[in-house]
Amino acid sequence: MEELGLKNYAHIGDAVWEVFVRDYVILKTSNSKLLHKMTTDRVNATFQMNMLEYMTNDLTAEELELVRRSRNLPIPVGRKSIQHDYRLATAFEVLIGYWYKHDKNRLEYFFNKFSELEFFK
């Protein structure tokens, strides 16, 4: 299942997620200040954690195992109050990175679902 390390999947997943969000928000406005706000509202640990929680019921057993293992990666966050959010955001990024490298159809499926969500808009 795993060709790259989980941290590598998280690294590429973070970039893929940001490109997806930027591609989405450029259709909403041309105001650079608003573009930045719309992007940063969606590219952060809390939002990514919420996206992971939203899609959990649609994940396969293999994907859930990837999430479980990803949540346990060491993260560079000192405050315990936000470690939970960062761990789940990292798991989200790992999934995005894994799909990007191995299953673009699955990635597109979830990106389409995300685009339809009211709280994503």
PDB file of N, CA and C in Angstrom:
ATOM      1  N   MET A   1       0.819  -1.196   0.000  1.00  0.00           N
ATOM      2  CA  MET A   1       0.000   0.000   0.000  1.00  0.00           C
ATOM      3  C   MET A   1       0.863   1.260   0.000  1.00  0.00           C
ATOM      4  N   GLU A   2       1.961   1.202   0.696  1.00  0.00           N
ATOM      5  CA  GLU A   2       2.727   2.417   0.928  1.00  0.00           C
ATOM      6  C   GLU A   2       4.051   2.376   0.179  1.00  0.00           C
ATOM      7  N   GLU A   3       4.201   3.227  -0.823  1.00  0.00           N
ATOM      8  CA  GLU A   3       5.469   3.322  -1.529  1.00  0.00           C
ATOM      9  C   GLU A   3       6.321   4.420  -0.913  1.00  0.00           C
ATOM     10  N   LEU A   4       5.689   5.518  -0.569  1.00  0.00           N
ATOM     11  CA  LEU A   4       6.360   6.631   0.088  1.00  0.00           C
ATOM     12  C   LEU A   4       6.077   6.548   1.584  1.00  0.00           C
ATOM     13  N   GLY A   5       6.844   7.269   2.351  1.00  0.00           N
ATOM     14  CA  GLY A   5       6.549   7.366   3.775  1.00  0.00           C
ATOM     15  C   GLY A   5       5.326   8.240   4.007  1.00  0.00           C
ATOM     16  N   LEU A   6       4.703   8.073   5.155  1.00  0.00           N
ATOM     17  CA  LEU A   6       3.503   8.852   5.474  1.00  0.00           C
ATOM     18  C   LEU A   6       3.791  10.351   5.472  1.00  0.00           C
ATOM     19  N   LYS A   7       4.953  10.746   5.965  1.00  0.00           N
ATOM     20  CA  LYS A   7       5.298  12.178   5.966  1.00  0.00           C
ATOM     21  C   LYS A   7       5.399  12.715   4.541  1.00  0.00           C
ATOM     22  N   ASN A   8       5.879  11.882   3.622  1.00  0.00           N
ATOM     23  CA  ASN A   8       5.971  12.326   2.228  1.00  0.00           C
ATOM     24  C   ASN A   8       4.590  12.482   1.613  1.00  0.00           C
ATOM     25  N   TYR A   9       3.691  11.559   1.938  1.00  0.00           N
ATOM     26  CA  TYR A   9       2.312  11.701   1.456  1.00  0.00           C
ATOM     27  C   TYR A   9       1.671  12.964   2.032  1.00  0.00           C
ATOM     28  N   ALA A  10       1.934  13.240   3.300  1.00  0.00           N
ATOM     29  CA  ALA A  10       1.387  14.456   3.911  1.00  0.00           C
ATOM     30  C   ALA A  10       1.950  15.699   3.232  1.00  0.00           C
ATOM     31  N   HIS A  11       3.223  15.661   2.910  1.00  0.00           N
ATOM     32  CA  HIS A  11       3.867  16.814   2.268  1.00  0.00           C
ATOM     33  C   HIS A  11       3.233  17.111   0.907  1.00  0.00           C
ATOM     34  N   ILE A  12       3.093  16.085   0.081  1.00  0.00           N
ATOM     35  CA  ILE A  12       2.502  16.308  -1.240  1.00  0.00           C
ATOM     36  C   ILE A  12       1.003  16.583  -1.105  1.00  0.00           C
ATOM     37  N   GLY A  13       0.352  15.939  -0.144  1.00  0.00           N
ATOM     38  CA  GLY A  13      -1.080  16.159   0.070  1.00  0.00           C
ATOM     39  C   GLY A  13      -1.386  17.591   0.455  1.00  0.00           C
ATOM     40  N   ASP A  14      -0.527  18.189   1.261  1.00  0.00           N
ATOM     41  CA  ASP A  14      -0.695  19.590   1.649  1.00  0.00           C
ATOM     42  C   ASP A  14      -0.657  20.486   0.417  1.00  0.00           C
ATOM     43  N   ALA A  15       0.283  20.234  -0.475  1.00  0.00           N
ATOM     44  CA  ALA A  15       0.401  21.042  -1.698  1.00  0.00           C
ATOM     45  C   ALA A  15      -0.785  20.823  -2.624  1.00  0.00           C
ATOM     46  N   VAL A  16      -1.205  19.581  -2.788  1.00  0.00           N
ATOM     47  CA  VAL A  16      -2.345  19.270  -3.661  1.00  0.00           C
ATOM     48  C   VAL A  16      -3.605  19.933  -3.127  1.00  0.00           C
ATOM     49  N   TRP A  17      -3.814  19.871  -1.815  1.00  0.00           N
ATOM     50  CA  TRP A  17      -4.985  20.496  -1.204  1.00  0.00           C
ATOM     51  C   TRP A  17      -4.980  22.003  -1.448  1.00  0.00           C
ATOM     52  N   GLU A  18      -3.828  22.646  -1.261  1.00  0.00           N
ATOM     53  CA  GLU A  18      -3.775  24.091  -1.466  1.00  0.00           C
ATOM     54  C   GLU A  18      -4.051  24.462  -2.919  1.00  0.00           C
ATOM     55  N   VAL A  19      -3.524  23.705  -3.863  1.00  0.00           N
ATOM     56  CA  VAL A  19      -3.800  23.983  -5.276  1.00  0.00           C
ATOM     57  C   VAL A  19      -5.293  23.797  -5.567  1.00  0.00           C
ATOM     58  N   PHE A  20      -5.886  22.741  -5.021  1.00  0.00           N
ATOM     59  CA  PHE A  20      -7.320  22.530  -5.210  1.00  0.00           C
ATOM     60  C   PHE A  20      -8.114  23.726  -4.672  1.00  0.00           C
ATOM     61  N   VAL A  21      -7.790  24.163  -3.478  1.00  0.00           N
ATOM     62  CA  VAL A  21      -8.504  25.296  -2.870  1.00  0.00           C
ATOM     63  C   VAL A  21      -8.295  26.560  -3.693  1.00  0.00           C
ATOM     64  N   ARG A  22      -7.073  26.829  -4.091  1.00  0.00           N
ATOM     65  CA  ARG A  22      -6.803  28.030  -4.890  1.00  0.00           C
ATOM     66  C   ARG A  22      -7.547  27.985  -6.223  1.00  0.00           C
ATOM     67  N   ASP A  23      -7.565  26.828  -6.841  1.00  0.00           N
ATOM     68  CA  ASP A  23      -8.288  26.668  -8.099  1.00  0.00           C
ATOM     69  C   ASP A  23      -9.782  26.922  -7.897  1.00  0.00           C
ATOM     70  N   TYR A  24     -10.283  26.508  -6.758  1.00  0.00           N
ATOM     71  CA  TYR A  24     -11.700  26.707  -6.434  1.00  0.00           C
ATOM     72  C   TYR A  24     -12.005  28.185  -6.174  1.00  0.00           C
ATOM     73  N   VAL A  25     -11.175  28.865  -5.370  1.00  0.00           N
ATOM     74  CA  VAL A  25     -11.502  30.234  -4.971  1.00  0.00           C
ATOM     75  C   VAL A  25     -11.300  31.249  -6.092  1.00  0.00           C
ATOM     76  N   ILE A  26     -10.439  30.943  -7.071  1.00  0.00           N
ATOM     77  CA  ILE A  26     -10.258  31.930  -8.151  1.00  0.00           C
ATOM     78  C   ILE A  26     -11.524  32.097  -8.976  1.00  0.00           C
ATOM     79  N   LEU A  27     -12.424  31.140  -8.884  1.00  0.00           N
ATOM     80  CA  LEU A  27     -13.701  31.249  -9.588  1.00  0.00           C
ATOM     81  C   LEU A  27     -14.704  32.090  -8.813  1.00  0.00           C
ATOM     82  N   LYS A  28     -14.379  32.408  -7.570  1.00  0.00           N
ATOM     83  CA  LYS A  28     -15.310  33.133  -6.699  1.00  0.00           C
ATOM     84  C   LYS A  28     -15.090  34.639  -6.695  1.00  0.00           C
ATOM     85  N   THR A  29     -13.842  35.085  -6.881  1.00  0.00           N
ATOM     86  CA  THR A  29     -13.550  36.516  -6.820  1.00  0.00           C
ATOM     87  C   THR A  29     -12.206  36.804  -7.488  1.00  0.00           C
ATOM     88  N   SER A  30     -11.999  38.052  -7.830  1.00  0.00           N
ATOM     89  CA  SER A  30     -10.692  38.465  -8.343  1.00  0.00           C
ATOM     90  C   SER A  30     -10.007  39.416  -7.357  1.00  0.00           C
ATOM     91  N   ASN A  31     -10.655  39.692  -6.240  1.00  0.00           N
ATOM     92  CA  ASN A  31     -10.096  40.548  -5.201  1.00  0.00           C
ATOM     93  C   ASN A  31      -9.002  39.776  -4.462  1.00  0.00           C
ATOM     94  N   SER A  32      -7.764  40.279  -4.529  1.00  0.00           N
ATOM     95  CA  SER A  32      -6.638  39.529  -3.973  1.00  0.00           C
ATOM     96  C   SER A  32      -6.739  39.346  -2.457  1.00  0.00           C
ATOM     97  N   LYS A  33      -7.238  40.327  -1.763  1.00  0.00           N
ATOM     98  CA  LYS A  33      -7.381  40.210  -0.309  1.00  0.00           C
ATOM     99  C   LYS A  33      -8.412  39.124   0.036  1.00  0.00           C
ATOM    100  N   LEU A  34      -9.506  39.114  -0.683  1.00  0.00           N
ATOM    101  CA  LEU A  34     -10.544  38.107  -0.466  1.00  0.00           C
ATOM    102  C   LEU A  34     -10.059  36.714  -0.894  1.00  0.00           C
ATOM    103  N   LEU A  35      -9.298  36.646  -1.989  1.00  0.00           N
ATOM    104  CA  LEU A  35      -8.719  35.367  -2.413  1.00  0.00           C
ATOM    105  C   LEU A  35      -7.860  34.769  -1.304  1.00  0.00           C
ATOM    106  N   HIS A  36      -7.029  35.615  -0.709  1.00  0.00           N
ATOM    107  CA  HIS A  36      -6.161  35.151   0.367  1.00  0.00           C
ATOM    108  C   HIS A  36      -6.977  34.658   1.563  1.00  0.00           C
ATOM    109  N   LYS A  37      -7.984  35.418   1.952  1.00  0.00           N
ATOM    110  CA  LYS A  37      -8.812  35.025   3.089  1.00  0.00           C
ATOM    111  C   LYS A  37      -9.561  33.725   2.805  1.00  0.00           C
ATOM    112  N   MET A  38     -10.131  33.612   1.617  1.00  0.00           N
ATOM    113  CA  MET A  38     -10.869  32.401   1.269  1.00  0.00           C
ATOM    114  C   MET A  38      -9.939  31.184   1.261  1.00  0.00           C
ATOM    115  N   THR A  39      -8.705  31.386   0.837  1.00  0.00           N
ATOM    116  CA  THR A  39      -7.738  30.286   0.803  1.00  0.00           C
ATOM    117  C   THR A  39      -7.322  29.899   2.215  1.00  0.00           C
ATOM    118  N   THR A  40      -6.925  30.867   3.004  1.00  0.00           N
ATOM    119  CA  THR A  40      -6.452  30.549   4.357  1.00  0.00           C
ATOM    120  C   THR A  40      -7.572  30.015   5.248  1.00  0.00           C
ATOM    121  N   ASP A  41      -8.810  30.355   4.948  1.00  0.00           N
ATOM    122  CA  ASP A  41      -9.935  29.793   5.701  1.00  0.00           C
ATOM    123  C   ASP A  41     -10.084  28.292   5.456  1.00  0.00           C
ATOM    124  N   ARG A  42      -9.565  27.808   4.334  1.00  0.00           N
ATOM    125  CA  ARG A  42      -9.722  26.394   3.953  1.00  0.00           C
ATOM    126  C   ARG A  42      -8.426  25.588   4.038  1.00  0.00           C
ATOM    127  N   VAL A  43      -7.319  26.293   4.092  1.00  0.00           N
ATOM    128  CA  VAL A  43      -6.016  25.606   4.168  1.00  0.00           C
ATOM    129  C   VAL A  43      -5.460  25.839   5.578  1.00  0.00           C
ATOM    130  N   ASN A  44      -6.044  25.159   6.526  1.00  0.00           N
ATOM    131  CA  ASN A  44      -5.579  25.206   7.906  1.00  0.00           C
ATOM    132  C   ASN A  44      -5.994  23.921   8.603  1.00  0.00           C
ATOM    133  N   ALA A  45      -5.393  23.657   9.730  1.00  0.00           N
ATOM    134  CA  ALA A  45      -5.593  22.377  10.411  1.00  0.00           C
ATOM    135  C   ALA A  45      -7.040  22.136  10.804  1.00  0.00           C
ATOM    136  N   THR A  46      -7.715  23.136  11.317  1.00  0.00           N
ATOM    137  CA  THR A  46      -9.094  22.942  11.772  1.00  0.00           C
ATOM    138  C   THR A  46     -10.015  22.604  10.613  1.00  0.00           C
ATOM    139  N   PHE A  47      -9.885  23.313   9.512  1.00  0.00           N
ATOM    140  CA  PHE A  47     -10.738  23.039   8.356  1.00  0.00           C
ATOM    141  C   PHE A  47     -10.449  21.645   7.796  1.00  0.00           C
ATOM    142  N   GLN A  48      -9.170  21.300   7.695  1.00  0.00           N
ATOM    143  CA  GLN A  48      -8.806  19.989   7.169  1.00  0.00           C
ATOM    144  C   GLN A  48      -9.308  18.878   8.088  1.00  0.00           C
ATOM    145  N   MET A  49      -9.242  19.093   9.392  1.00  0.00           N
ATOM    146  CA  MET A  49      -9.780  18.133  10.347  1.00  0.00           C
ATOM    147  C   MET A  49     -11.275  17.937  10.107  1.00  0.00           C
ATOM    148  N   ASN A  50     -11.989  19.029   9.889  1.00  0.00           N
ATOM    149  CA  ASN A  50     -13.429  18.948   9.617  1.00  0.00           C
ATOM    150  C   ASN A  50     -13.715  18.200   8.317  1.00  0.00           C
ATOM    151  N   MET A  51     -12.880  18.391   7.321  1.00  0.00           N
ATOM    152  CA  MET A  51     -13.061  17.690   6.055  1.00  0.00           C
ATOM    153  C   MET A  51     -12.847  16.187   6.255  1.00  0.00           C
ATOM    154  N   LEU A  52     -11.857  15.827   7.043  1.00  0.00           N
ATOM    155  CA  LEU A  52     -11.606  14.414   7.321  1.00  0.00           C
ATOM    156  C   LEU A  52     -12.798  13.799   8.045  1.00  0.00           C
ATOM    157  N   GLU A  53     -13.328  14.501   9.029  1.00  0.00           N
ATOM    158  CA  GLU A  53     -14.493  13.986   9.757  1.00  0.00           C
ATOM    159  C   GLU A  53     -15.689  13.829   8.823  1.00  0.00           C
ATOM    160  N   TYR A  54     -15.850  14.767   7.888  1.00  0.00           N
ATOM    161  CA  TYR A  54     -16.955  14.708   6.932  1.00  0.00           C
ATOM    162  C   TYR A  54     -16.870  13.455   6.064  1.00  0.00           C
ATOM    163  N   MET A  55     -15.665  13.103   5.636  1.00  0.00           N
ATOM    164  CA  MET A  55     -15.532  12.017   4.671  1.00  0.00           C
ATOM    165  C   MET A  55     -15.286  10.651   5.301  1.00  0.00           C
ATOM    166  N   THR A  56     -15.145  10.582   6.607  1.00  0.00           N
ATOM    167  CA  THR A  56     -14.795   9.323   7.274  1.00  0.00           C
ATOM    168  C   THR A  56     -15.733   8.174   6.924  1.00  0.00           C
ATOM    169  N   ASN A  57     -17.020   8.420   6.849  1.00  0.00           N
ATOM    170  CA  ASN A  57     -17.975   7.346   6.555  1.00  0.00           C
ATOM    171  C   ASN A  57     -17.819   6.777   5.145  1.00  0.00           C
ATOM    172  N   ASP A  58     -17.182   7.519   4.253  1.00  0.00           N
ATOM    173  CA  ASP A  58     -16.989   7.072   2.868  1.00  0.00           C
ATOM    174  C   ASP A  58     -15.638   6.393   2.636  1.00  0.00           C
ATOM    175  N   LEU A  59     -14.824   6.278   3.680  1.00  0.00           N
ATOM    176  CA  LEU A  59     -13.492   5.708   3.512  1.00  0.00           C
ATOM    177  C   LEU A  59     -13.527   4.183   3.592  1.00  0.00           C
ATOM    178  N   THR A  60     -12.641   3.569   2.840  1.00  0.00           N
ATOM    179  CA  THR A  60     -12.497   2.114   2.871  1.00  0.00           C
ATOM    180  C   THR A  60     -11.711   1.721   4.126  1.00  0.00           C
ATOM    181  N   ALA A  61     -11.701   0.441   4.433  1.00  0.00           N
ATOM    182  CA  ALA A  61     -10.937  -0.058   5.579  1.00  0.00           C
ATOM    183  C   ALA A  61      -9.450   0.272   5.416  1.00  0.00           C
ATOM    184  N   GLU A  62      -8.947   0.143   4.204  1.00  0.00           N
ATOM    185  CA  GLU A  62      -7.541   0.462   3.931  1.00  0.00           C
ATOM    186  C   GLU A  62      -7.263   1.944   4.175  1.00  0.00           C
ATOM    187  N   GLU A  63      -8.175   2.801   3.738  1.00  0.00           N
ATOM    188  CA  GLU A  63      -8.007   4.242   3.941  1.00  0.00           C
ATOM    189  C   GLU A  63      -8.110   4.606   5.416  1.00  0.00           C
ATOM    190  N   LEU A  64      -9.011   3.964   6.138  1.00  0.00           N
ATOM    191  CA  LEU A  64      -9.133   4.213   7.576  1.00  0.00           C
ATOM    192  C   LEU A  64      -7.866   3.798   8.322  1.00  0.00           C
ATOM    193  N   GLU A  65      -7.246   2.727   7.869  1.00  0.00           N
ATOM    194  CA  GLU A  65      -5.977   2.297   8.469  1.00  0.00           C
ATOM    195  C   GLU A  65      -4.883   3.325   8.190  1.00  0.00           C
ATOM    196  N   LEU A  66      -4.876   3.890   7.000  1.00  0.00           N
ATOM    197  CA  LEU A  66      -3.930   4.941   6.657  1.00  0.00           C
ATOM    198  C   LEU A  66      -4.148   6.160   7.558  1.00  0.00           C
ATOM    199  N   VAL A  67      -5.399   6.511   7.800  1.00  0.00           N
ATOM    200  CA  VAL A  67      -5.729   7.623   8.698  1.00  0.00           C
ATOM    201  C   VAL A  67      -5.225   7.317  10.104  1.00  0.00           C
ATOM    202  N   ARG A  68      -5.493   6.118  10.588  1.00  0.00           N
ATOM    203  CA  ARG A  68      -5.080   5.744  11.941  1.00  0.00           C
ATOM    204  C   ARG A  68      -3.565   5.865  12.105  1.00  0.00           C
ATOM    205  N   ARG A  69      -2.835   5.331  11.147  1.00  0.00           N
ATOM    206  CA  ARG A  69      -1.377   5.386  11.219  1.00  0.00           C
ATOM    207  C   ARG A  69      -0.862   6.819  11.078  1.00  0.00           C
ATOM    208  N   SER A  70      -1.517   7.611  10.262  1.00  0.00           N
ATOM    209  CA  SER A  70      -1.093   8.997  10.031  1.00  0.00           C
ATOM    210  C   SER A  70      -1.316   9.865  11.260  1.00  0.00           C
ATOM    211  N   ARG A  71      -2.379   9.600  11.985  1.00  0.00           N
ATOM    212  CA  ARG A  71      -2.681  10.382  13.198  1.00  0.00           C
ATOM    213  C   ARG A  71      -1.574  10.257  14.233  1.00  0.00           C
ATOM    214  N   ASN A  72      -0.823   9.183  14.162  1.00  0.00           N
ATOM    215  CA  ASN A  72       0.201   8.930  15.159  1.00  0.00           C
ATOM    216  C   ASN A  72       1.588   9.444  14.774  1.00  0.00           C
ATOM    217  N   LEU A  73       1.684  10.122  13.636  1.00  0.00           N
ATOM    218  CA  LEU A  73       2.971  10.696  13.248  1.00  0.00           C
ATOM    219  C   LEU A  73       3.362  11.800  14.232  1.00  0.00           C
ATOM    220  N   PRO A  74       4.646  11.932  14.532  1.00  0.00           N
ATOM    221  CA  PRO A  74       5.082  13.043  15.382  1.00  0.00           C
ATOM    222  C   PRO A  74       4.871  14.371  14.646  1.00  0.00           C
ATOM    223  N   ILE A  75       4.345  15.342  15.362  1.00  0.00           N
ATOM    224  CA  ILE A  75       4.080  16.642  14.744  1.00  0.00           C
ATOM    225  C   ILE A  75       4.761  17.742  15.552  1.00  0.00           C
ATOM    226  N   PRO A  76       5.172  18.811  14.888  1.00  0.00           N
ATOM    227  CA  PRO A  76       5.899  19.887  15.569  1.00  0.00           C
ATOM    228  C   PRO A  76       4.966  20.929  16.174  1.00  0.00           C
ATOM    229  N   VAL A  77       4.068  20.476  17.047  1.00  0.00           N
ATOM    230  CA  VAL A  77       3.132  21.407  17.687  1.00  0.00           C
ATOM    231  C   VAL A  77       3.297  21.251  19.188  1.00  0.00           C
ATOM    232  N   GLY A  78       3.586  22.350  19.845  1.00  0.00           N
ATOM    233  CA  GLY A  78       3.844  22.297  21.275  1.00  0.00           C
ATOM    234  C   GLY A  78       2.603  22.247  22.139  1.00  0.00           C
ATOM    235  N   ARG A  79       1.610  23.027  21.803  1.00  0.00           N
ATOM    236  CA  ARG A  79       0.426  23.115  22.671  1.00  0.00           C
ATOM    237  C   ARG A  79      -0.473  21.908  22.494  1.00  0.00           C
ATOM    238  N   LYS A  80      -0.769  21.248  23.573  1.00  0.00           N
ATOM    239  CA  LYS A  80      -1.599  20.044  23.522  1.00  0.00           C
ATOM    240  C   LYS A  80      -3.007  20.348  23.036  1.00  0.00           C
ATOM    241  N   SER A  81      -3.461  21.560  23.235  1.00  0.00           N
ATOM    242  CA  SER A  81      -4.831  21.904  22.866  1.00  0.00           C
ATOM    243  C   SER A  81      -5.074  21.829  21.368  1.00  0.00           C
ATOM    244  N   ILE A  82      -4.031  22.005  20.567  1.00  0.00           N
ATOM    245  CA  ILE A  82      -4.230  21.955  19.116  1.00  0.00           C
ATOM    246  C   ILE A  82      -3.579  20.741  18.466  1.00  0.00           C
ATOM    247  N   GLN A  83      -2.904  19.903  19.270  1.00  0.00           N
ATOM    248  CA  GLN A  83      -2.276  18.711  18.697  1.00  0.00           C
ATOM    249  C   GLN A  83      -3.297  17.802  18.031  1.00  0.00           C
ATOM    250  N   HIS A  84      -4.458  17.662  18.633  1.00  0.00           N
ATOM    251  CA  HIS A  84      -5.514  16.811  18.074  1.00  0.00           C
ATOM    252  C   HIS A  84      -5.873  17.270  16.667  1.00  0.00           C
ATOM    253  N   ASP A  85      -6.101  18.572  16.502  1.00  0.00           N
ATOM    254  CA  ASP A  85      -6.449  19.125  15.194  1.00  0.00           C
ATOM    255  C   ASP A  85      -5.336  18.859  14.174  1.00  0.00           C
ATOM    256  N   TYR A  86      -4.094  19.103  14.576  1.00  0.00           N
ATOM    257  CA  TYR A  86      -2.974  18.918  13.663  1.00  0.00           C
ATOM    258  C   TYR A  86      -2.798  17.461  13.276  1.00  0.00           C
ATOM    259  N   ARG A  87      -3.010  16.553  14.199  1.00  0.00           N
ATOM    260  CA  ARG A  87      -2.876  15.128  13.885  1.00  0.00           C
ATOM    261  C   ARG A  87      -3.923  14.699  12.850  1.00  0.00           C
ATOM    262  N   LEU A  88      -5.151  15.160  13.019  1.00  0.00           N
ATOM    263  CA  LEU A  88      -6.193  14.816  12.054  1.00  0.00           C
ATOM    264  C   LEU A  88      -5.967  15.523  10.718  1.00  0.00           C
ATOM    265  N   ALA A  89      -5.476  16.752  10.750  1.00  0.00           N
ATOM    266  CA  ALA A  89      -5.158  17.458   9.501  1.00  0.00           C
ATOM    267  C   ALA A  89      -4.038  16.738   8.757  1.00  0.00           C
ATOM    268  N   THR A  90      -3.067  16.227   9.487  1.00  0.00           N
ATOM    269  CA  THR A  90      -1.988  15.464   8.858  1.00  0.00           C
ATOM    270  C   THR A  90      -2.538  14.196   8.220  1.00  0.00           C
ATOM    271  N   ALA A  91      -3.446  13.528   8.902  1.00  0.00           N
ATOM    272  CA  ALA A  91      -4.073  12.326   8.337  1.00  0.00           C
ATOM    273  C   ALA A  91      -4.831  12.673   7.057  1.00  0.00           C
ATOM    274  N   PHE A  92      -5.528  13.810   7.060  1.00  0.00           N
ATOM    275  CA  PHE A  92      -6.232  14.287   5.868  1.00  0.00           C
ATOM    276  C   PHE A  92      -5.242  14.496   4.725  1.00  0.00           C
ATOM    277  N   GLU A  93      -4.120  15.162   5.011  1.00  0.00           N
ATOM    278  CA  GLU A  93      -3.118  15.426   3.983  1.00  0.00           C
ATOM    279  C   GLU A  93      -2.498  14.135   3.459  1.00  0.00           C
ATOM    280  N   VAL A  94      -2.310  13.155   4.333  1.00  0.00           N
ATOM    281  CA  VAL A  94      -1.775  11.866   3.896  1.00  0.00           C
ATOM    282  C   VAL A  94      -2.728  11.219   2.897  1.00  0.00           C
ATOM    283  N   LEU A  95      -4.020  11.235   3.205  1.00  0.00           N
ATOM    284  CA  LEU A  95      -5.001  10.668   2.270  1.00  0.00           C
ATOM    285  C   LEU A  95      -4.958  11.380   0.927  1.00  0.00           C
ATOM    286  N   ILE A  96      -4.946  12.710   0.955  1.00  0.00           N
ATOM    287  CA  ILE A  96      -4.910  13.489  -0.282  1.00  0.00           C
ATOM    288  C   ILE A  96      -3.656  13.136  -1.075  1.00  0.00           C
ATOM    289  N   GLY A  97      -2.515  13.076  -0.402  1.00  0.00           N
ATOM    290  CA  GLY A  97      -1.262  12.737  -1.066  1.00  0.00           C
ATOM    291  C   GLY A  97      -1.255  11.321  -1.609  1.00  0.00           C
ATOM    292  N   TYR A  98      -1.800  10.390  -0.842  1.00  0.00           N
ATOM    293  CA  TYR A  98      -1.866   8.999  -1.285  1.00  0.00           C
ATOM    294  C   TYR A  98      -2.733   8.883  -2.537  1.00  0.00           C
ATOM    295  N   TRP A  99      -3.909   9.498  -2.504  1.00  0.00           N
ATOM    296  CA  TRP A  99      -4.783   9.452  -3.682  1.00  0.00           C
ATOM    297  C   TRP A  99      -4.146  10.135  -4.880  1.00  0.00           C
ATOM    298  N   TYR A 100      -3.483  11.244  -4.636  1.00  0.00           N
ATOM    299  CA  TYR A 100      -2.824  11.960  -5.731  1.00  0.00           C
ATOM    300  C   TYR A 100      -1.798  11.062  -6.427  1.00  0.00           C
ATOM    301  N   LYS A 101      -1.056  10.288  -5.644  1.00  0.00           N
ATOM    302  CA  LYS A 101      -0.026   9.425  -6.217  1.00  0.00           C
ATOM    303  C   LYS A 101      -0.582   8.116  -6.770  1.00  0.00           C
ATOM    304  N   HIS A 102      -1.697   7.609  -6.210  1.00  0.00           N
ATOM    305  CA  HIS A 102      -2.129   6.249  -6.544  1.00  0.00           C
ATOM    306  C   HIS A 102      -3.561   6.111  -7.053  1.00  0.00           C
ATOM    307  N   ASP A 103      -4.417   7.101  -6.821  1.00  0.00           N
ATOM    308  CA  ASP A 103      -5.830   6.919  -7.187  1.00  0.00           C
ATOM    309  C   ASP A 103      -6.483   8.279  -7.459  1.00  0.00           C
ATOM    310  N   LYS A 104      -6.166   8.827  -8.618  1.00  0.00           N
ATOM    311  CA  LYS A 104      -6.680  10.163  -8.965  1.00  0.00           C
ATOM    312  C   LYS A 104      -8.212  10.185  -9.058  1.00  0.00           C
ATOM    313  N   ASN A 105      -8.828   9.059  -9.421  1.00  0.00           N
ATOM    314  CA  ASN A 105     -10.294   9.011  -9.467  1.00  0.00           C
ATOM    315  C   ASN A 105     -10.901   9.193  -8.080  1.00  0.00           C
ATOM    316  N   ARG A 106     -10.293   8.570  -7.101  1.00  0.00           N
ATOM    317  CA  ARG A 106     -10.777   8.704  -5.720  1.00  0.00           C
ATOM    318  C   ARG A 106     -10.587  10.147  -5.242  1.00  0.00           C
ATOM    319  N   LEU A 107      -9.466  10.730  -5.573  1.00  0.00           N
ATOM    320  CA  LEU A 107      -9.199  12.124  -5.215  1.00  0.00           C
ATOM    321  C   LEU A 107     -10.236  13.035  -5.858  1.00  0.00           C
ATOM    322  N   GLU A 108     -10.501  12.833  -7.122  1.00  0.00           N
ATOM    323  CA  GLU A 108     -11.497  13.657  -7.823  1.00  0.00           C
ATOM    324  C   GLU A 108     -12.888  13.474  -7.223  1.00  0.00           C
ATOM    325  N   TYR A 109     -13.225  12.247  -6.837  1.00  0.00           N
ATOM    326  CA  TYR A 109     -14.517  11.969  -6.196  1.00  0.00           C
ATOM    327  C   TYR A 109     -14.699  12.844  -4.953  1.00  0.00           C
ATOM    328  N   PHE A 110     -13.693  12.867  -4.089  1.00  0.00           N
ATOM    329  CA  PHE A 110     -13.811  13.663  -2.869  1.00  0.00           C
ATOM    330  C   PHE A 110     -13.739  15.155  -3.145  1.00  0.00           C
ATOM    331  N   PHE A 111     -12.917  15.576  -4.074  1.00  0.00           N
ATOM    332  CA  PHE A 111     -12.870  17.002  -4.406  1.00  0.00           C
ATOM    333  C   PHE A 111     -14.234  17.472  -4.921  1.00  0.00           C
ATOM    334  N   ASN A 112     -14.903  16.656  -5.706  1.00  0.00           N
ATOM    335  CA  ASN A 112     -16.246  17.018  -6.169  1.00  0.00           C
ATOM    336  C   ASN A 112     -17.229  17.103  -4.999  1.00  0.00           C
ATOM    337  N   LYS A 113     -17.141  16.146  -4.076  1.00  0.00           N
ATOM    338  CA  LYS A 113     -18.008  16.181  -2.891  1.00  0.00           C
ATOM    339  C   LYS A 113     -17.749  17.438  -2.057  1.00  0.00           C
ATOM    340  N   PHE A 114     -16.476  17.778  -1.877  1.00  0.00           N
ATOM    341  CA  PHE A 114     -16.129  18.958  -1.088  1.00  0.00           C
ATOM    342  C   PHE A 114     -16.688  20.226  -1.727  1.00  0.00           C
ATOM    343  N   SER A 115     -16.589  20.327  -3.048  1.00  0.00           N
ATOM    344  CA  SER A 115     -17.036  21.524  -3.756  1.00  0.00           C
ATOM    345  C   SER A 115     -18.524  21.762  -3.596  1.00  0.00           C
ATOM    346  N   GLU A 116     -19.281  20.700  -3.332  1.00  0.00           N
ATOM    347  CA  GLU A 116     -20.726  20.821  -3.188  1.00  0.00           C
ATOM    348  C   GLU A 116     -21.166  21.168  -1.773  1.00  0.00           C
ATOM    349  N   LEU A 117     -20.262  21.083  -0.818  1.00  0.00           N
ATOM    350  CA  LEU A 117     -20.615  21.347   0.575  1.00  0.00           C
ATOM    351  C   LEU A 117     -20.913  22.818   0.805  1.00  0.00           C
ATOM    352  N   GLU A 118     -21.946  23.082   1.562  1.00  0.00           N
ATOM    353  CA  GLU A 118     -22.323  24.469   1.863  1.00  0.00           C
ATOM    354  C   GLU A 118     -21.217  25.175   2.665  1.00  0.00           C
ATOM    355  N   PHE A 119     -20.626  24.492   3.647  1.00  0.00           N
ATOM    356  CA  PHE A 119     -19.607  25.142   4.463  1.00  0.00           C
ATOM    357  C   PHE A 119     -18.278  25.281   3.741  1.00  0.00           C
ATOM    358  N   PHE A 120     -18.138  24.650   2.564  1.00  0.00           N
ATOM    359  CA  PHE A 120     -16.927  24.837   1.772  1.00  0.00           C
ATOM    360  C   PHE A 120     -17.029  26.096   0.920  1.00  0.00           C
ATOM    361  N   LYS A 121     -18.252  26.447   0.550  1.00  0.00           N
ATOM    362  CA  LYS A 121     -18.454  27.555  -0.387  1.00  0.00           C
ATOM    363  C   LYS A 121     -18.150  28.890   0.196  1.00  0.00           C
TER     364      LYS A 121
END
